[in-house]
Amino acid sequence: MKTFKLGPGTTLLLVILISIGAISVLVARAATSNLSYYLTPSEYLLDEANVGKRVRVAGRVVEGSIVNQDGRLLRFDIVGDINDRIAVEFSGQVVPNLFGPYALVLVEGLGEIDYIAGDQIIIKHENEFFAGEVPEESISSNFVKPKSTSDEEEK
């Protein structure tokens, strides 16, 4: 039986290659585990494979859909960019302070047939900021309530 002897240069090269490979694997795993994907309500509703799985769905809270009981949030609806609406049955304990009508939220929970059994709500920040009035072509123009003229007259 013949044995192989590696020279110091070859050994160093192998150690470097193995180290680079190990570091690459660790970086790839860290990057994929920290990515946070979410669906729109229409994407959720179109894919029946979401039922029974843990999902994340983003949308705006629909005004008038929030149902509380004994000071606890029970249910609300969210709507996407194309008026795709889905109900959320909420069983979590923590409701963010900024939660309310028109809030942009990310709901995490278990996918059901026509709703989401949510257990966590995350408020998303707006990606548009305006000084003054919201332009008509902005998606935010559908959700921002204009100031009432009667409020201004009372002041």
N, C-alpha and C. Protein backbone atom coordinates (compact mmCIF):
# COMPACT_ATOMS: atom_id res chain seq x y z
N MET A 1 0.84 -1.17 0.00
CA MET A 1 0.00 0.00 0.00
C MET A 1 0.89 1.24 0.00
N LYS A 2 0.52 2.16 -0.85
CA LYS A 2 1.31 3.36 -1.03
C LYS A 2 0.67 4.51 -0.25
N THR A 3 1.43 5.26 0.49
CA THR A 3 0.92 6.41 1.24
C THR A 3 1.31 7.69 0.52
N PHE A 4 0.43 8.68 0.67
CA PHE A 4 0.69 9.98 0.04
C PHE A 4 1.19 10.94 1.10
N LYS A 5 2.19 11.65 0.76
CA LYS A 5 2.69 12.71 1.62
C LYS A 5 2.44 14.03 0.91
N LEU A 6 1.77 14.91 1.64
CA LEU A 6 1.51 16.23 1.08
C LEU A 6 2.57 17.19 1.56
N GLY A 7 2.98 17.99 0.64
CA GLY A 7 3.96 19.01 0.99
C GLY A 7 3.29 20.14 1.76
N PRO A 8 4.06 21.02 2.38
CA PRO A 8 3.47 22.12 3.16
C PRO A 8 2.62 23.05 2.31
N GLY A 9 2.97 23.29 1.08
CA GLY A 9 2.18 24.17 0.20
C GLY A 9 0.84 23.56 -0.14
N THR A 10 0.83 22.26 -0.42
CA THR A 10 -0.41 21.56 -0.75
C THR A 10 -1.33 21.50 0.47
N THR A 11 -0.77 21.24 1.64
CA THR A 11 -1.56 21.19 2.88
C THR A 11 -2.21 22.55 3.14
N LEU A 12 -1.44 23.61 2.99
CA LEU A 12 -1.97 24.96 3.20
C LEU A 12 -3.10 25.25 2.21
N LEU A 13 -2.92 24.87 0.96
CA LEU A 13 -3.94 25.09 -0.06
C LEU A 13 -5.23 24.34 0.29
N LEU A 14 -5.13 23.09 0.73
CA LEU A 14 -6.31 22.32 1.12
C LEU A 14 -7.02 22.93 2.32
N VAL A 15 -6.26 23.37 3.30
CA VAL A 15 -6.86 24.01 4.48
C VAL A 15 -7.60 25.29 4.07
N ILE A 16 -7.02 26.07 3.19
CA ILE A 16 -7.67 27.31 2.73
C ILE A 16 -8.95 26.99 1.97
N LEU A 17 -8.91 26.01 1.07
CA LEU A 17 -10.10 25.65 0.30
C LEU A 17 -11.22 25.12 1.18
N ILE A 18 -10.88 24.29 2.15
CA ILE A 18 -11.90 23.75 3.06
C ILE A 18 -12.48 24.88 3.92
N SER A 19 -11.64 25.81 4.36
CA SER A 19 -12.12 26.95 5.16
C SER A 19 -13.06 27.83 4.35
N ILE A 20 -12.69 28.09 3.10
CA ILE A 20 -13.55 28.91 2.23
C ILE A 20 -14.89 28.22 2.02
N GLY A 21 -14.88 26.92 1.79
CA GLY A 21 -16.12 26.17 1.61
C GLY A 21 -17.00 26.22 2.85
N ALA A 22 -16.40 26.03 4.03
CA ALA A 22 -17.17 26.05 5.28
C ALA A 22 -17.77 27.44 5.54
N ILE A 23 -16.98 28.48 5.30
CA ILE A 23 -17.47 29.84 5.50
C ILE A 23 -18.60 30.15 4.53
N SER A 24 -18.48 29.70 3.29
CA SER A 24 -19.53 29.93 2.29
C SER A 24 -20.84 29.27 2.71
N VAL A 25 -20.76 28.06 3.22
CA VAL A 25 -21.97 27.35 3.67
C VAL A 25 -22.61 28.10 4.84
N LEU A 26 -21.82 28.55 5.79
CA LEU A 26 -22.35 29.28 6.94
C LEU A 26 -23.00 30.60 6.52
N VAL A 27 -22.37 31.32 5.62
CA VAL A 27 -22.93 32.59 5.14
C VAL A 27 -24.24 32.35 4.40
N ALA A 28 -24.29 31.33 3.55
CA ALA A 28 -25.51 31.03 2.80
C ALA A 28 -26.66 30.66 3.74
N ARG A 29 -26.38 29.86 4.74
CA ARG A 29 -27.43 29.48 5.70
C ARG A 29 -27.92 30.67 6.49
N ALA A 30 -27.02 31.52 6.92
CA ALA A 30 -27.41 32.71 7.69
C ALA A 30 -28.25 33.65 6.84
N ALA A 31 -27.88 33.81 5.59
CA ALA A 31 -28.62 34.72 4.71
C ALA A 31 -30.03 34.22 4.46
N THR A 32 -30.19 32.94 4.20
CA THR A 32 -31.53 32.42 3.90
C THR A 32 -32.40 32.35 5.13
N SER A 33 -31.85 32.13 6.31
CA SER A 33 -32.68 32.04 7.51
C SER A 33 -33.15 33.41 7.97
N ASN A 34 -32.48 34.48 7.57
CA ASN A 34 -32.87 35.82 7.98
C ASN A 34 -33.79 36.50 6.98
N LEU A 35 -33.99 35.91 5.82
CA LEU A 35 -34.90 36.49 4.85
C LEU A 35 -36.33 36.31 5.32
N SER A 36 -37.13 37.30 5.10
CA SER A 36 -38.49 37.27 5.58
C SER A 36 -39.44 37.54 4.41
N TYR A 37 -40.02 36.50 3.87
CA TYR A 37 -40.93 36.65 2.75
C TYR A 37 -42.36 36.77 3.24
N TYR A 38 -43.18 37.49 2.50
CA TYR A 38 -44.59 37.56 2.83
C TYR A 38 -45.40 37.59 1.55
N LEU A 39 -46.67 37.27 1.68
CA LEU A 39 -47.59 37.22 0.57
C LEU A 39 -48.53 38.41 0.62
N THR A 40 -49.10 38.75 -0.52
CA THR A 40 -50.21 39.70 -0.55
C THR A 40 -51.48 38.89 -0.34
N PRO A 41 -52.59 39.52 0.03
CA PRO A 41 -53.83 38.75 0.19
C PRO A 41 -54.22 37.97 -1.07
N SER A 42 -54.03 38.55 -2.26
CA SER A 42 -54.40 37.82 -3.47
C SER A 42 -53.50 36.60 -3.70
N GLU A 43 -52.20 36.74 -3.43
CA GLU A 43 -51.30 35.59 -3.56
C GLU A 43 -51.70 34.48 -2.59
N TYR A 44 -52.07 34.88 -1.38
CA TYR A 44 -52.49 33.89 -0.39
C TYR A 44 -53.75 33.16 -0.85
N LEU A 45 -54.75 33.90 -1.29
CA LEU A 45 -56.03 33.31 -1.69
C LEU A 45 -55.93 32.44 -2.93
N LEU A 46 -54.99 32.73 -3.82
CA LEU A 46 -54.85 31.97 -5.07
C LEU A 46 -54.14 30.63 -4.89
N ASP A 47 -53.41 30.45 -3.80
CA ASP A 47 -52.62 29.23 -3.62
C ASP A 47 -53.19 28.39 -2.48
N GLU A 48 -53.89 27.32 -2.82
CA GLU A 48 -54.50 26.45 -1.81
C GLU A 48 -53.47 25.73 -0.95
N ALA A 49 -52.22 25.70 -1.40
CA ALA A 49 -51.17 25.05 -0.62
C ALA A 49 -50.87 25.81 0.67
N ASN A 50 -51.35 27.05 0.81
CA ASN A 50 -51.13 27.84 2.02
C ASN A 50 -51.96 27.36 3.20
N VAL A 51 -53.03 26.62 2.93
CA VAL A 51 -53.90 26.13 4.00
C VAL A 51 -53.13 25.11 4.85
N GLY A 52 -53.14 25.34 6.15
CA GLY A 52 -52.44 24.45 7.07
C GLY A 52 -50.97 24.77 7.28
N LYS A 53 -50.47 25.77 6.59
CA LYS A 53 -49.07 26.17 6.72
C LYS A 53 -48.96 27.48 7.47
N ARG A 54 -47.79 27.72 8.02
CA ARG A 54 -47.49 29.00 8.66
C ARG A 54 -47.23 30.01 7.54
N VAL A 55 -47.94 31.13 7.57
CA VAL A 55 -47.84 32.13 6.50
C VAL A 55 -47.64 33.52 7.09
N ARG A 56 -47.17 34.41 6.22
CA ARG A 56 -47.06 35.83 6.52
C ARG A 56 -47.74 36.58 5.38
N VAL A 57 -48.74 37.38 5.71
CA VAL A 57 -49.50 38.11 4.71
C VAL A 57 -49.53 39.59 5.09
N ALA A 58 -49.26 40.45 4.10
CA ALA A 58 -49.22 41.89 4.34
C ALA A 58 -50.37 42.59 3.65
N GLY A 59 -50.93 43.59 4.31
CA GLY A 59 -52.00 44.39 3.74
C GLY A 59 -52.38 45.52 4.68
N ARG A 60 -53.37 46.29 4.29
CA ARG A 60 -53.86 47.38 5.12
C ARG A 60 -55.11 46.95 5.87
N VAL A 61 -55.21 47.40 7.11
CA VAL A 61 -56.39 47.09 7.92
C VAL A 61 -57.58 47.85 7.35
N VAL A 62 -58.67 47.14 7.13
CA VAL A 62 -59.87 47.73 6.54
C VAL A 62 -60.66 48.46 7.63
N GLU A 63 -60.99 49.71 7.35
CA GLU A 63 -61.78 50.50 8.30
C GLU A 63 -63.13 49.83 8.54
N GLY A 64 -63.55 49.76 9.79
CA GLY A 64 -64.85 49.18 10.13
C GLY A 64 -64.82 47.67 10.30
N SER A 65 -63.68 47.04 10.07
CA SER A 65 -63.62 45.57 10.17
C SER A 65 -63.06 45.09 11.50
N ILE A 66 -62.58 46.00 12.33
CA ILE A 66 -61.94 45.61 13.59
C ILE A 66 -63.00 45.25 14.63
N VAL A 67 -62.88 44.03 15.17
CA VAL A 67 -63.82 43.56 16.19
C VAL A 67 -63.03 43.28 17.47
N ASN A 68 -63.43 43.97 18.54
CA ASN A 68 -62.83 43.77 19.86
C ASN A 68 -63.88 43.19 20.79
N GLN A 69 -63.43 42.42 21.77
CA GLN A 69 -64.34 41.92 22.80
C GLN A 69 -63.61 41.97 24.13
N ASP A 70 -64.21 42.64 25.09
CA ASP A 70 -63.60 42.81 26.41
C ASP A 70 -62.20 43.41 26.31
N GLY A 71 -62.03 44.38 25.42
CA GLY A 71 -60.75 45.05 25.27
C GLY A 71 -59.69 44.23 24.54
N ARG A 72 -60.08 43.14 23.93
CA ARG A 72 -59.14 42.25 23.24
C ARG A 72 -59.49 42.16 21.76
N LEU A 73 -58.49 42.30 20.91
CA LEU A 73 -58.69 42.21 19.47
C LEU A 73 -59.05 40.78 19.08
N LEU A 74 -60.16 40.60 18.36
CA LEU A 74 -60.58 39.27 17.92
C LEU A 74 -60.44 39.06 16.42
N ARG A 75 -60.81 40.08 15.65
CA ARG A 75 -60.91 39.89 14.22
C ARG A 75 -60.74 41.21 13.50
N PHE A 76 -60.19 41.14 12.28
CA PHE A 76 -60.11 42.30 11.39
C PHE A 76 -59.85 41.78 9.98
N ASP A 77 -60.03 42.64 9.01
CA ASP A 77 -59.76 42.31 7.61
C ASP A 77 -58.57 43.13 7.14
N ILE A 78 -57.83 42.55 6.19
CA ILE A 78 -56.78 43.31 5.52
C ILE A 78 -57.06 43.29 4.03
N VAL A 79 -56.59 44.32 3.35
CA VAL A 79 -56.79 44.44 1.92
C VAL A 79 -55.45 44.73 1.27
N GLY A 80 -55.26 44.18 0.07
CA GLY A 80 -54.02 44.39 -0.69
C GLY A 80 -54.17 45.52 -1.68
N ASP A 81 -53.22 45.60 -2.58
CA ASP A 81 -53.17 46.70 -3.55
C ASP A 81 -54.28 46.65 -4.58
N ILE A 82 -54.85 45.47 -4.81
CA ILE A 82 -55.89 45.35 -5.84
C ILE A 82 -57.25 45.01 -5.22
N ASN A 83 -57.49 45.55 -4.03
CA ASN A 83 -58.73 45.34 -3.29
C ASN A 83 -59.03 43.87 -3.03
N ASP A 84 -57.99 43.09 -2.83
CA ASP A 84 -58.10 41.69 -2.47
C ASP A 84 -58.15 41.62 -0.95
N ARG A 85 -59.28 41.17 -0.42
CA ARG A 85 -59.55 41.26 1.01
C ARG A 85 -59.55 39.88 1.65
N ILE A 86 -58.98 39.79 2.85
CA ILE A 86 -58.97 38.54 3.59
C ILE A 86 -59.18 38.82 5.07
N ALA A 87 -59.88 37.93 5.73
CA ALA A 87 -60.17 38.08 7.16
C ALA A 87 -59.02 37.50 7.98
N VAL A 88 -58.82 38.08 9.16
CA VAL A 88 -57.83 37.60 10.11
C VAL A 88 -58.53 37.37 11.44
N GLU A 89 -58.46 36.13 11.94
CA GLU A 89 -58.94 35.80 13.29
C GLU A 89 -57.72 35.83 14.17
N PHE A 90 -57.66 36.80 15.10
CA PHE A 90 -56.45 37.03 15.87
C PHE A 90 -56.52 36.39 17.25
N SER A 91 -55.49 35.60 17.58
CA SER A 91 -55.43 34.94 18.89
C SER A 91 -54.20 35.34 19.69
N GLY A 92 -53.42 36.26 19.16
CA GLY A 92 -52.20 36.69 19.84
C GLY A 92 -52.49 37.57 21.04
N GLN A 93 -51.45 37.82 21.80
CA GLN A 93 -51.59 38.63 23.02
C GLN A 93 -51.20 40.08 22.81
N VAL A 94 -50.27 40.34 21.90
CA VAL A 94 -49.73 41.70 21.74
C VAL A 94 -50.26 42.33 20.46
N VAL A 95 -50.86 43.51 20.63
CA VAL A 95 -51.32 44.30 19.50
C VAL A 95 -50.49 45.58 19.48
N PRO A 96 -49.80 45.87 18.38
CA PRO A 96 -48.96 47.08 18.32
C PRO A 96 -49.77 48.36 18.56
N ASN A 97 -49.14 49.35 19.15
CA ASN A 97 -49.81 50.62 19.44
C ASN A 97 -50.32 51.31 18.19
N LEU A 98 -49.64 51.15 17.08
CA LEU A 98 -50.04 51.82 15.84
C LEU A 98 -51.11 51.07 15.06
N PHE A 99 -51.59 49.95 15.60
CA PHE A 99 -52.61 49.17 14.92
C PHE A 99 -53.93 49.94 14.89
N GLY A 100 -54.57 49.94 13.74
CA GLY A 100 -55.87 50.59 13.60
C GLY A 100 -56.25 50.63 12.13
N PRO A 101 -57.36 51.29 11.82
CA PRO A 101 -57.78 51.38 10.42
C PRO A 101 -56.68 51.99 9.56
N TYR A 102 -56.51 51.45 8.38
CA TYR A 102 -55.55 51.91 7.37
C TYR A 102 -54.10 51.60 7.70
N ALA A 103 -53.82 50.97 8.84
CA ALA A 103 -52.44 50.62 9.19
C ALA A 103 -51.93 49.54 8.23
N LEU A 104 -50.70 49.66 7.82
CA LEU A 104 -50.05 48.67 6.97
C LEU A 104 -49.46 47.61 7.89
N VAL A 105 -49.98 46.38 7.82
CA VAL A 105 -49.58 45.34 8.77
C VAL A 105 -49.06 44.09 8.05
N LEU A 106 -48.29 43.33 8.80
CA LEU A 106 -47.83 42.02 8.38
C LEU A 106 -48.38 41.05 9.42
N VAL A 107 -49.23 40.13 8.99
CA VAL A 107 -49.87 39.18 9.89
C VAL A 107 -49.20 37.83 9.73
N GLU A 108 -48.80 37.25 10.85
CA GLU A 108 -48.23 35.91 10.85
C GLU A 108 -49.21 34.97 11.52
N GLY A 109 -49.35 33.78 10.95
CA GLY A 109 -50.26 32.81 11.54
C GLY A 109 -50.44 31.59 10.65
N LEU A 110 -51.45 30.81 10.98
CA LEU A 110 -51.75 29.57 10.26
C LEU A 110 -52.76 29.85 9.16
N GLY A 111 -52.47 29.38 7.96
CA GLY A 111 -53.38 29.58 6.84
C GLY A 111 -54.60 28.68 6.95
N GLU A 112 -55.76 29.27 6.78
CA GLU A 112 -57.03 28.53 6.76
C GLU A 112 -57.66 28.74 5.38
N ILE A 113 -58.82 28.13 5.14
CA ILE A 113 -59.41 28.18 3.80
C ILE A 113 -59.71 29.60 3.34
N ASP A 114 -60.46 30.38 4.10
CA ASP A 114 -60.81 31.73 3.67
C ASP A 114 -60.35 32.81 4.64
N TYR A 115 -59.45 32.47 5.53
CA TYR A 115 -58.96 33.45 6.48
C TYR A 115 -57.60 33.02 7.01
N ILE A 116 -57.02 33.88 7.84
CA ILE A 116 -55.74 33.57 8.48
C ILE A 116 -55.98 33.54 9.98
N ALA A 117 -55.53 32.48 10.63
CA ALA A 117 -55.58 32.40 12.09
C ALA A 117 -54.30 33.03 12.61
N GLY A 118 -54.31 34.36 12.75
CA GLY A 118 -53.12 35.11 13.08
C GLY A 118 -52.79 35.09 14.55
N ASP A 119 -51.48 35.04 14.85
CA ASP A 119 -51.05 35.11 16.24
C ASP A 119 -50.01 36.20 16.46
N GLN A 120 -49.63 36.90 15.39
CA GLN A 120 -48.68 38.00 15.54
C GLN A 120 -48.98 39.06 14.49
N ILE A 121 -48.90 40.32 14.92
CA ILE A 121 -49.10 41.46 14.02
C ILE A 121 -47.85 42.32 14.09
N ILE A 122 -47.34 42.68 12.93
CA ILE A 122 -46.20 43.57 12.85
C ILE A 122 -46.63 44.77 12.00
N ILE A 123 -46.36 45.96 12.48
CA ILE A 123 -46.67 47.17 11.71
C ILE A 123 -45.52 47.41 10.73
N LYS A 124 -45.87 47.59 9.46
CA LYS A 124 -44.86 47.90 8.44
C LYS A 124 -44.79 49.41 8.28
N HIS A 125 -43.62 49.91 7.97
CA HIS A 125 -43.49 51.34 7.72
C HIS A 125 -43.90 51.64 6.29
N GLU A 126 -44.36 52.84 6.08
CA GLU A 126 -44.72 53.27 4.73
C GLU A 126 -43.46 53.50 3.91
N ASN A 127 -43.53 53.23 2.62
CA ASN A 127 -42.37 53.50 1.78
C ASN A 127 -42.54 54.80 0.99
N GLU A 128 -43.60 55.53 1.30
CA GLU A 128 -43.82 56.82 0.67
C GLU A 128 -44.03 57.86 1.76
N PHE A 129 -43.39 59.00 1.60
CA PHE A 129 -43.54 60.09 2.55
C PHE A 129 -43.85 61.36 1.76
N PHE A 130 -44.83 62.12 2.23
CA PHE A 130 -45.24 63.32 1.51
C PHE A 130 -45.34 64.49 2.46
N ALA A 131 -44.98 65.64 1.96
CA ALA A 131 -45.23 66.88 2.68
C ALA A 131 -46.48 67.47 2.06
N GLY A 132 -47.49 67.66 2.86
CA GLY A 132 -48.74 68.19 2.33
C GLY A 132 -49.66 67.07 1.89
N GLU A 133 -50.35 67.29 0.78
CA GLU A 133 -51.34 66.32 0.31
C GLU A 133 -50.69 65.17 -0.44
N VAL A 134 -51.36 64.02 -0.39
CA VAL A 134 -50.89 62.82 -1.08
C VAL A 134 -51.30 62.91 -2.55
N PRO A 135 -50.38 62.71 -3.49
CA PRO A 135 -50.74 62.75 -4.91
C PRO A 135 -51.76 61.66 -5.27
N GLU A 136 -52.66 61.97 -6.19
CA GLU A 136 -53.70 61.02 -6.60
C GLU A 136 -53.14 59.71 -7.14
N GLU A 137 -51.98 59.76 -7.82
CA GLU A 137 -51.41 58.54 -8.43
C GLU A 137 -50.74 57.62 -7.40
N SER A 138 -50.60 58.07 -6.17
CA SER A 138 -49.97 57.26 -5.13
C SER A 138 -50.95 56.25 -4.58
N ILE A 139 -50.46 55.05 -4.29
CA ILE A 139 -51.33 54.03 -3.67
C ILE A 139 -51.83 54.51 -2.32
N SER A 140 -51.06 55.35 -1.65
CA SER A 140 -51.44 55.86 -0.34
C SER A 140 -52.66 56.78 -0.41
N SER A 141 -52.96 57.33 -1.60
CA SER A 141 -54.11 58.23 -1.72
C SER A 141 -55.41 57.49 -1.46
N ASN A 142 -55.43 56.17 -1.61
CA ASN A 142 -56.63 55.39 -1.34
C ASN A 142 -56.87 55.19 0.15
N PHE A 143 -55.86 55.41 0.96
CA PHE A 143 -55.96 55.06 2.37
C PHE A 143 -55.84 56.22 3.32
N VAL A 144 -55.28 57.33 2.86
CA VAL A 144 -55.10 58.48 3.74
C VAL A 144 -56.40 59.26 3.79
N LYS A 145 -56.90 59.47 5.00
CA LYS A 145 -58.14 60.22 5.14
C LYS A 145 -57.87 61.71 4.99
N PRO A 146 -58.61 62.38 4.13
CA PRO A 146 -58.43 63.83 4.04
C PRO A 146 -59.01 64.50 5.27
N LYS A 147 -58.47 65.67 5.60
CA LYS A 147 -59.00 66.42 6.75
C LYS A 147 -60.38 66.93 6.40
N SER A 148 -61.26 66.84 7.35
CA SER A 148 -62.63 67.32 7.17
C SER A 148 -62.66 68.84 7.27
N THR A 149 -63.42 69.47 6.41
CA THR A 149 -63.53 70.93 6.48
C THR A 149 -64.32 71.37 7.70
N SER A 150 -65.21 70.51 8.20
CA SER A 150 -65.99 70.89 9.38
C SER A 150 -65.09 70.95 10.62
N ASP A 151 -64.02 70.11 10.66
CA ASP A 151 -63.08 70.16 11.77
C ASP A 151 -62.34 71.49 11.77
N GLU A 152 -61.99 71.99 10.60
CA GLU A 152 -61.25 73.22 10.49
C GLU A 152 -62.13 74.42 10.86
N GLU A 153 -63.44 74.36 10.51
CA GLU A 153 -64.35 75.45 10.81
C GLU A 153 -64.57 75.59 12.30
N GLU A 154 -64.57 74.45 13.05
CA GLU A 154 -64.80 74.49 14.48
C GLU A 154 -63.67 75.15 15.22
N LYS A 155 -62.46 75.12 14.66
CA LYS A 155 -61.30 75.73 15.32
C LYS A 155 -61.29 77.17 15.16
